[in-house]
Protein backbone atom coordinates (compact mmCIF):
# COMPACT_ATOMS: atom_id res chain seq x y z
CA MET A 1 -4.25 0.43 99.15
CA LEU A 2 -4.98 -2.34 96.88
CA LEU A 3 -4.69 -5.80 98.90
CA ASN A 4 -5.42 -9.47 97.51
CA THR A 5 -8.92 -9.64 99.06
CA SER A 6 -8.65 -12.74 101.43
CA ILE A 7 -9.40 -11.55 104.42
CA GLU A 8 -10.55 -13.63 107.57
CA SER A 9 -10.78 -13.24 111.25
CA ASP A 10 -8.29 -15.18 113.28
CA PRO A 11 -10.25 -16.70 115.77
CA ALA A 12 -7.35 -17.55 117.94
CA HIS A 13 -6.63 -13.76 118.15
CA SER A 14 -9.76 -11.68 118.45
CA GLY A 15 -9.88 -8.19 116.31
CA GLN A 16 -6.87 -9.55 114.20
CA MET A 17 -7.36 -10.25 110.25
CA ILE A 18 -5.27 -12.11 108.38
CA VAL A 19 -4.55 -10.44 105.37
CA ASN A 20 -2.90 -11.58 101.91
CA LEU A 21 -0.43 -9.46 100.54
CA GLY A 22 0.33 -10.78 97.36
CA PRO A 23 1.10 -12.18 94.99
CA SER A 24 -1.22 -10.11 92.75
CA HIS A 25 -0.44 -6.97 94.70
CA PRO A 26 1.06 -4.75 91.95
CA ALA A 27 4.10 -4.33 94.47
CA THR A 28 4.64 -8.03 94.66
CA HIS A 29 5.11 -8.68 91.09
CA GLY A 30 3.46 -11.53 90.83
CA THR A 31 5.65 -13.51 92.97
CA LEU A 32 6.42 -12.90 96.65
CA ARG A 33 3.50 -13.54 98.95
CA ILE A 34 3.46 -11.85 102.84
CA ILE A 35 0.97 -13.33 104.83
CA LEU A 36 -0.08 -10.49 107.33
CA SER A 37 -1.79 -10.59 110.86
CA LEU A 38 -3.13 -7.34 111.54
CA GLU A 39 -4.64 -5.15 114.23
CA GLY A 40 -6.27 -2.13 112.46
CA GLU A 41 -3.49 -0.60 110.20
CA ASN A 42 -0.74 -2.26 112.48
CA VAL A 43 1.27 -5.20 111.39
CA ILE A 44 1.26 -8.17 114.07
CA ASN A 45 2.80 -10.49 112.00
CA ALA A 46 4.41 -10.96 108.59
CA GLU A 47 5.16 -14.38 107.03
CA PRO A 48 6.70 -14.44 103.70
CA GLU A 49 6.07 -17.33 101.56
CA ILE A 50 8.03 -17.58 98.35
CA GLY A 51 8.22 -20.28 95.21
CA TYR A 52 5.74 -18.41 92.84
CA LEU A 53 8.65 -18.28 90.23
CA HIS A 54 10.34 -21.67 91.04
CA ARG A 55 12.40 -22.86 88.16
CA GLY A 56 14.58 -25.59 89.56
CA VAL A 57 17.76 -23.57 88.13
CA GLU A 58 19.78 -25.49 90.24
CA LYS A 59 18.10 -29.55 89.21
CA LEU A 60 18.66 -28.23 86.05
CA GLY A 61 22.34 -27.52 85.88
CA GLU A 62 22.90 -31.22 86.77
CA SER A 63 21.61 -32.21 83.16
CA LEU A 64 23.25 -29.48 81.43
CA SER A 65 26.93 -28.82 80.60
CA TYR A 66 28.97 -26.27 82.46
CA ALA A 67 28.38 -23.97 79.43
CA GLN A 68 24.90 -24.79 78.83
CA PHE A 69 24.15 -23.51 82.48
CA VAL A 70 25.06 -19.95 81.51
CA PRO A 71 21.76 -19.11 80.40
CA LEU A 72 20.37 -20.41 83.59
CA THR A 73 22.32 -17.91 85.79
CA ASP A 74 20.34 -14.91 83.57
CA ARG A 75 17.29 -15.79 84.91
CA LEU A 76 18.31 -15.05 88.59
CA ASN A 77 18.50 -11.30 88.92
CA TYR A 78 17.02 -10.30 85.85
CA CYS A 79 17.85 -7.08 86.67
CA SER A 80 21.85 -7.52 86.53
CA SER A 81 21.92 -10.58 84.82
CA ILE A 82 25.23 -9.87 83.02
CA MET A 83 26.79 -9.97 86.83
CA ASN A 84 25.29 -13.44 87.02
CA ASN A 85 27.16 -14.40 84.26
CA VAL A 86 30.14 -13.46 85.44
CA GLY A 87 29.66 -14.81 88.98
CA TYR A 88 29.14 -18.18 87.64
CA ALA A 89 32.27 -18.18 85.09
CA LEU A 90 34.74 -16.98 88.11
CA ALA A 91 33.31 -19.86 89.96
CA VAL A 92 33.92 -22.54 86.97
CA GLU A 93 37.49 -21.03 86.36
CA LYS A 94 38.08 -20.99 89.94
CA LEU A 95 37.68 -24.95 89.95
CA LEU A 96 39.60 -25.05 86.83
CA ASN A 97 42.13 -23.21 87.93
CA ILE A 98 42.10 -20.70 85.11
CA GLN A 99 41.94 -16.96 84.67
CA ASP A 100 40.66 -15.17 81.56
CA PRO A 101 42.46 -12.51 79.25
CA PRO A 102 43.36 -9.13 80.57
CA ARG A 103 41.05 -7.61 78.32
CA SER A 104 38.10 -9.96 79.35
CA ARG A 105 38.93 -8.86 83.02
CA VAL A 106 38.08 -5.57 82.23
CA ILE A 107 35.52 -6.07 80.28
CA ARG A 108 33.29 -8.07 82.76
CA VAL A 109 34.19 -5.30 85.16
CA LEU A 110 32.64 -2.43 82.95
CA VAL A 111 29.33 -4.56 82.11
CA SER A 112 29.11 -5.57 85.65
CA GLU A 113 29.51 -1.86 87.15
CA LEU A 114 26.96 -0.66 84.41
CA ALA A 115 24.37 -3.73 85.14
CA ARG A 116 24.92 -2.97 88.86
CA ILE A 117 23.92 1.19 88.11
CA ALA A 118 20.96 -0.18 86.25
CA ASP A 119 19.44 -2.40 89.01
CA HIS A 120 20.06 0.19 91.61
CA LEU A 121 17.86 2.77 89.38
CA VAL A 122 15.44 -0.10 89.12
CA CYS A 123 15.26 -0.09 93.07
CA ILE A 124 15.14 3.06 93.82
CA GLY A 125 12.86 4.03 90.83
CA ILE A 126 10.22 1.15 91.59
CA ASN A 127 10.37 1.76 95.54
CA ALA A 128 9.56 5.48 94.85
CA VAL A 129 6.64 4.21 92.56
CA ASP A 130 5.49 1.55 95.28
CA ILE A 131 5.53 4.32 97.56
CA GLY A 132 3.93 7.37 95.11
CA ALA A 133 6.78 9.37 94.22
CA PHE A 134 6.04 8.30 90.45
CA SER A 135 8.36 11.42 88.65
CA SER A 136 11.65 9.99 89.71
CA TYR A 137 11.20 6.97 88.02
CA LEU A 138 10.82 8.95 84.50
CA TYR A 139 14.43 10.53 85.49
CA LEU A 140 16.26 7.22 85.90
CA PHE A 141 14.64 4.69 83.64
CA HIS A 142 16.14 7.01 81.18
CA GLU A 143 19.44 5.86 81.99
CA ARG A 144 18.63 2.75 82.42
CA GLU A 145 17.67 2.15 78.36
CA THR A 146 21.07 3.70 77.33
CA ILE A 147 22.59 1.24 79.70
CA TYR A 148 20.56 -1.37 78.03
CA ASP A 149 21.68 -0.06 74.90
CA LEU A 150 25.20 -0.84 76.00
CA LEU A 151 24.37 -4.56 77.12
CA GLU A 152 22.76 -5.23 73.95
CA MET A 153 25.93 -3.82 71.52
CA ALA A 154 28.02 -5.88 74.06
CA ALA A 155 26.12 -9.28 74.07
CA GLY A 156 23.48 -8.77 71.40
CA GLN A 157 20.73 -8.99 74.03
CA ARG A 158 19.37 -6.54 76.92
CA LEU A 159 17.72 -8.43 79.61
CA HIS A 160 18.99 -12.49 79.12
CA THR A 161 22.98 -11.32 77.95
CA SER A 162 24.30 -15.29 77.99
CA PHE A 163 27.69 -12.47 77.83
CA THR A 164 30.63 -14.92 79.28
CA ARG A 165 31.64 -18.15 78.37
CA ILE A 166 34.27 -20.48 80.79
CA GLY A 167 37.28 -18.51 80.30
CA GLY A 168 36.12 -15.63 79.01
CA LEU A 169 33.71 -13.77 77.03
CA PHE A 170 31.22 -14.45 73.78
CA ARG A 171 32.85 -11.73 71.77
CA ASP A 172 34.51 -8.10 72.09
CA ILE A 173 32.45 -5.15 72.46
CA PRO A 174 32.27 -2.93 69.67
CA GLU A 175 34.55 0.17 70.21
CA LYS A 176 33.05 2.32 67.79
CA GLU A 177 29.61 2.24 69.00
CA PHE A 178 29.74 1.45 72.50
CA ILE A 179 32.56 3.83 73.58
CA PRO A 180 30.55 7.01 72.63
CA LEU A 181 27.45 5.95 73.83
CA CYS A 182 29.00 4.79 77.35
CA ASN A 183 30.93 8.09 77.58
CA LYS A 184 27.92 10.13 77.00
CA LEU A 185 26.23 7.83 79.88
CA LEU A 186 29.15 9.10 82.09
CA GLU A 187 28.06 12.55 81.48
CA THR A 188 24.41 12.31 81.66
CA CYS A 189 23.64 9.72 84.62
CA PRO A 190 25.27 11.97 87.32
CA ARG A 191 22.97 14.80 86.04
CA SER A 192 20.11 12.00 86.51
CA ILE A 193 21.11 11.15 89.89
CA ASP A 194 21.46 14.68 91.01
CA GLU A 195 17.82 15.49 89.47
CA MET A 196 16.64 12.39 91.65
CA GLU A 197 18.02 13.65 94.93
CA ARG A 198 16.89 16.86 94.26
CA LEU A 199 12.92 15.50 93.93
CA LEU A 200 13.79 12.59 96.90
CA THR A 201 16.93 13.37 99.10
CA ARG A 202 15.04 16.46 101.33
CA ASN A 203 11.95 16.15 100.08
CA PRO A 204 9.93 15.65 103.40
CA ILE A 205 7.33 13.22 102.55
CA TRP A 206 9.70 10.93 101.33
CA SER A 207 11.61 11.14 104.64
CA ASP A 208 8.06 10.55 106.32
CA ARG A 209 7.96 7.28 104.29
CA THR A 210 11.17 6.16 104.44
CA LYS A 211 13.16 7.45 107.89
CA ASP A 212 13.43 4.74 110.63
CA VAL A 213 11.07 2.00 108.34
CA GLY A 214 12.58 -1.45 108.61
CA ALA A 215 15.57 0.39 110.93
CA PHE A 216 18.07 -2.67 111.54
CA THR A 217 21.77 -3.03 113.73
CA VAL A 218 24.28 -4.16 112.22
CA GLU A 219 24.10 -7.08 114.81
CA GLN A 220 20.83 -7.92 113.55
CA ALA A 221 21.80 -7.74 109.84
CA ILE A 222 24.45 -10.02 110.32
CA SER A 223 22.62 -12.74 112.25
CA TRP A 224 20.31 -13.02 109.39
CA GLY A 225 22.89 -13.22 106.90
CA TYR A 226 22.15 -9.88 105.32
CA THR A 227 25.20 -8.75 102.47
CA GLY A 228 25.04 -6.02 100.18
CA PRO A 229 23.74 -2.51 99.98
CA CYS A 230 21.28 -3.52 103.36
CA LEU A 231 24.12 -4.52 104.91
CA ARG A 232 25.95 -1.34 104.29
CA ALA A 233 22.78 0.85 105.16
CA CYS A 234 23.54 -0.68 108.67
CA GLY A 235 26.79 0.50 109.14
CA LEU A 236 29.09 -2.56 107.95
CA PRO A 237 31.48 -1.33 105.08
CA HIS A 238 31.55 -4.85 103.54
CA ASP A 239 32.19 -5.50 100.36
CA LEU A 240 33.65 -8.61 98.43
CA ARG A 241 35.18 -6.33 95.82
CA LYS A 242 36.99 -4.87 98.63
CA ALA A 243 37.46 -7.65 101.27
CA GLN A 244 37.52 -10.55 98.52
CA PRO A 245 38.74 -8.84 95.17
CA TYR A 246 38.42 -10.67 91.90
CA LEU A 247 38.72 -9.46 88.41
CA ASP A 248 41.31 -7.08 90.07
CA TYR A 249 39.09 -4.78 91.87
CA GLU A 250 41.50 -3.82 94.30
CA THR A 251 43.49 -2.04 91.72
CA TYR A 252 40.73 -0.11 90.77
CA ASP A 253 39.78 3.41 93.04
CA PHE A 254 36.50 3.25 94.76
CA ASP A 255 34.86 3.89 98.03
CA ILE A 256 32.14 1.70 100.31
CA PRO A 257 29.13 3.96 101.27
CA VAL A 258 27.60 3.04 104.41
CA GLY A 259 24.70 4.33 106.36
CA THR A 260 24.01 4.50 110.10
CA SER A 261 20.25 3.02 110.98
CA GLY A 262 19.63 0.42 107.93
CA ASP A 263 16.02 1.85 107.31
CA VAL A 264 14.81 2.18 104.13
CA TYR A 265 16.14 5.92 103.62
CA ASP A 266 19.68 4.98 104.43
CA ARG A 267 19.15 2.31 101.78
CA TYR A 268 18.13 4.56 99.18
CA LEU A 269 21.15 6.69 100.12
CA VAL A 270 24.09 3.88 99.90
CA ARG A 271 22.32 3.09 96.45
CA THR A 272 22.58 6.34 95.26
CA GLU A 273 26.50 6.51 96.11
CA GLU A 274 27.12 3.13 94.93
CA MET A 275 25.78 4.36 91.47
CA ARG A 276 28.19 7.10 91.54
CA GLN A 277 31.14 5.26 92.63
CA SER A 278 30.30 2.52 89.97
CA LEU A 279 30.43 5.21 87.23
CA LEU A 280 34.33 6.15 88.54
CA ILE A 281 34.85 2.50 87.64
CA VAL A 282 33.38 2.25 84.32
CA LYS A 283 35.34 5.52 83.45
CA GLU A 284 38.60 3.55 84.68
CA CYS A 285 37.85 0.55 82.80
CA LEU A 286 37.19 2.58 79.68
CA LYS A 287 40.52 4.12 80.43
CA ARG A 288 42.23 0.61 80.60
CA LEU A 289 40.72 -0.67 77.60
CA LYS A 290 42.62 1.95 75.55
CA GLU A 291 45.70 1.37 77.28
CA ILE A 292 45.26 -2.62 76.84
CA GLY A 293 44.50 -2.26 73.40
CA GLN A 294 43.07 -5.43 70.78
CA GLY A 295 43.75 -8.40 72.54
CA PRO A 296 41.81 -11.72 73.28
CA VAL A 297 38.92 -11.75 75.35
CA LEU A 298 38.73 -15.75 75.75
CA ILE A 299 41.33 -17.87 76.96
CA GLU A 300 43.41 -19.87 74.12
CA ASN A 301 43.11 -23.32 75.50
CA TYR A 302 40.61 -25.56 73.46
CA LYS A 303 40.13 -27.92 76.07
CA VAL A 304 37.98 -25.20 77.57
CA ALA A 305 36.98 -22.76 74.99
CA LEU A 306 35.65 -23.24 71.87
CA PRO A 307 38.62 -22.75 68.82
CA PRO A 308 37.90 -19.73 66.40
CA LYS A 309 35.30 -20.78 63.52
CA GLU A 310 37.98 -20.30 60.95
CA LYS A 311 40.41 -22.65 62.37
CA VAL A 312 37.39 -25.18 62.86
CA TYR A 313 37.03 -25.10 59.18
CA SER A 314 40.82 -25.25 58.57
CA ARG A 315 42.63 -27.32 60.70
CA ALA A 316 41.92 -30.64 61.90
CA GLU A 317 42.92 -30.20 65.44
CA SER A 318 40.58 -27.42 66.06
CA LEU A 319 37.49 -29.67 64.35
CA MET A 320 38.90 -31.85 67.06
CA HIS A 321 38.46 -29.88 69.73
CA HIS A 322 35.36 -28.36 68.70
CA PHE A 323 33.91 -31.82 68.21
CA LYS A 324 35.43 -33.21 71.96
CA LEU A 325 33.85 -29.81 73.58
CA ILE A 326 30.21 -30.04 72.27
CA MET A 327 29.87 -33.75 72.71
CA HIS A 328 31.88 -34.99 76.12
CA GLY A 329 32.43 -31.34 77.21
CA ILE A 330 34.91 -30.13 79.40
CA GLU A 331 37.58 -31.82 81.21
CA MET A 332 36.57 -31.04 84.81
CA PRO A 333 38.47 -31.90 87.67
CA ILE A 334 36.69 -33.81 90.94
CA GLY A 335 35.90 -31.51 93.50
CA GLU A 336 34.37 -28.61 94.71
CA VAL A 337 34.36 -24.88 94.92
CA TYR A 338 32.42 -21.95 96.22
CA SER A 339 33.01 -18.43 94.93
CA ALA A 340 31.12 -15.66 95.28
CA THR A 341 30.95 -11.86 94.11
CA GLU A 342 29.46 -8.97 95.07
CA ALA A 343 26.19 -8.42 92.96
CA ALA A 344 23.69 -5.80 93.37
CA ASN A 345 21.87 -7.21 96.15
CA GLY A 346 24.76 -8.57 97.54
CA GLU A 347 27.01 -11.95 98.08
CA LEU A 348 25.64 -13.85 94.74
CA GLY A 349 27.70 -17.48 95.59
CA PHE A 350 27.79 -20.60 93.27
CA TYR A 351 29.02 -23.59 95.15
CA ILE A 352 29.55 -26.62 92.55
CA VAL A 353 30.57 -30.11 92.95
CA SER A 354 32.08 -31.81 90.20
CA ASP A 355 32.40 -35.42 89.87
CA GLY A 356 34.54 -35.05 86.21
CA ASN A 357 31.61 -35.73 84.55
CA LYS A 358 30.39 -32.98 81.42
CA SER A 359 27.61 -32.08 83.68
CA PRO A 360 27.94 -30.76 87.51
CA TYR A 361 27.55 -33.18 90.14
CA ARG A 362 25.59 -30.07 92.01
CA ILE A 363 25.12 -26.80 92.00
CA HIS A 364 23.88 -24.50 94.61
CA VAL A 365 23.12 -20.74 94.09
CA ARG A 366 23.38 -18.61 97.25
CA PRO A 367 21.15 -15.71 96.84
CA PRO A 368 21.39 -12.29 98.58
CA CYS A 369 17.95 -11.74 98.60
CA TYR A 370 16.90 -14.81 100.67
CA PRO A 371 17.96 -13.78 103.80
CA ILE A 372 17.36 -10.47 103.38
CA PHE A 373 13.60 -11.19 102.38
CA SER A 374 13.35 -13.91 105.53
CA SER A 375 13.74 -11.07 108.00
CA LEU A 376 10.54 -9.09 106.69
CA ASP A 377 8.82 -9.86 110.20
CA GLU A 378 10.94 -8.68 112.39
CA LYS A 379 11.60 -5.67 110.38
CA ILE A 380 8.08 -4.62 110.20
CA LYS A 381 6.50 -6.07 112.97
CA GLY A 382 4.59 -2.95 115.00
CA ARG A 383 4.33 -0.65 112.07
CA LEU A 384 1.96 -0.50 109.17
CA ILE A 385 0.64 -1.85 106.36
CA ALA A 386 2.02 1.09 104.30
CA ASP A 387 5.57 0.54 105.75
CA VAL A 388 5.50 -2.78 104.46
CA LEU A 389 5.60 -1.78 100.93
CA ALA A 390 8.15 0.81 101.47
CA GLU A 391 10.41 -1.81 103.13
CA LEU A 392 9.58 -4.32 100.66
CA GLY A 393 10.91 -2.16 97.76
CA ALA A 394 13.84 -1.06 99.61
CA MET A 395 14.97 -4.66 99.86
CA ASN A 396 14.58 -5.23 96.11
CA VAL A 397 13.26 -8.92 96.58
CA ILE A 398 14.29 -10.01 92.91
CA ALA A 399 12.09 -13.58 93.05
CA GLY A 400 14.38 -14.99 90.11
CA GLU A 401 17.32 -15.68 92.29
CA LEU A 402 15.25 -15.78 95.59
CA ASP A 403 13.03 -18.91 94.24
CA ARG A 404 15.55 -20.08 91.98
């Protein structure tokens, strides 16, 4: 196994070694460091260290307008960046006490669920590669590329989408190209998930490498602040789409999969079933878009959202609104707000403090990865080095939102 070869003996504990796992290790992706205390192959202590991808996103937000902060949210969880866009837009809209149009809400749900599937595909595929099961990665990433094609059709970009605007969306989806490809995904993705399960679910090697690794009780998970699939794998059916519905999620028909032990294997099963449930939501979104028909995807309040360019070029009032929004920003109320959404890894929260100026007085991001990664020592103590990589992959730590 390839480790960062900064190895030294620990004088306080004879027979123990201090080993740096990462940030150069392939499984830590250049952004995570775990300081392992070892006795042979057994982990005595695992201290996670963060900060290798810190970009000061929250501080940067204090010098940007509310609209300008949208592209920075892309850099949080970059595996499902469009969900960050949606979560941030909902927080600002909550502060403004406005709501985006019905068609926008459906499209936000649609692209969020597509992004959730893509995120889970990456998590399971890379986790399997880290453990040594490369074949499933190939099955999964074909579907991920299709999802990225869909996101590119919608937002014009595959990874950093910047799709939302305060009060709606940057633009509507191109239905003639988007809908047929999305329907194709609804046919092919379940088959790819089935193939992945045939490769992994009853595979004795996969089972031996994942069962009982990183097992957690519900009480332990809650005490660490777990949310998302890692919490649900412990047995608690907590999902903000059901517990605190937003974007009309309470009107969609889907189930919350749960595990029993919270180990790596249960997290794999939970994410697998969540992908199937997200496909059901995507199918329902396509049906609702057909029922709604064409309509606005951005609020028609020109004190919040930019007027259409044709009006800016032909009407003085629209030109003035455009000038005011660009130069002075949205007229924000004074106050503070916390808004959370169920992102791919769990509760993604935005806490915003407004002093009425163009830029936020304070922005704080509550990332799901931070408490999950913090618990690594408790989950892996006493196990083997190889189990650290299995556990780390199943945590699905995304350094962009971890470090912010």
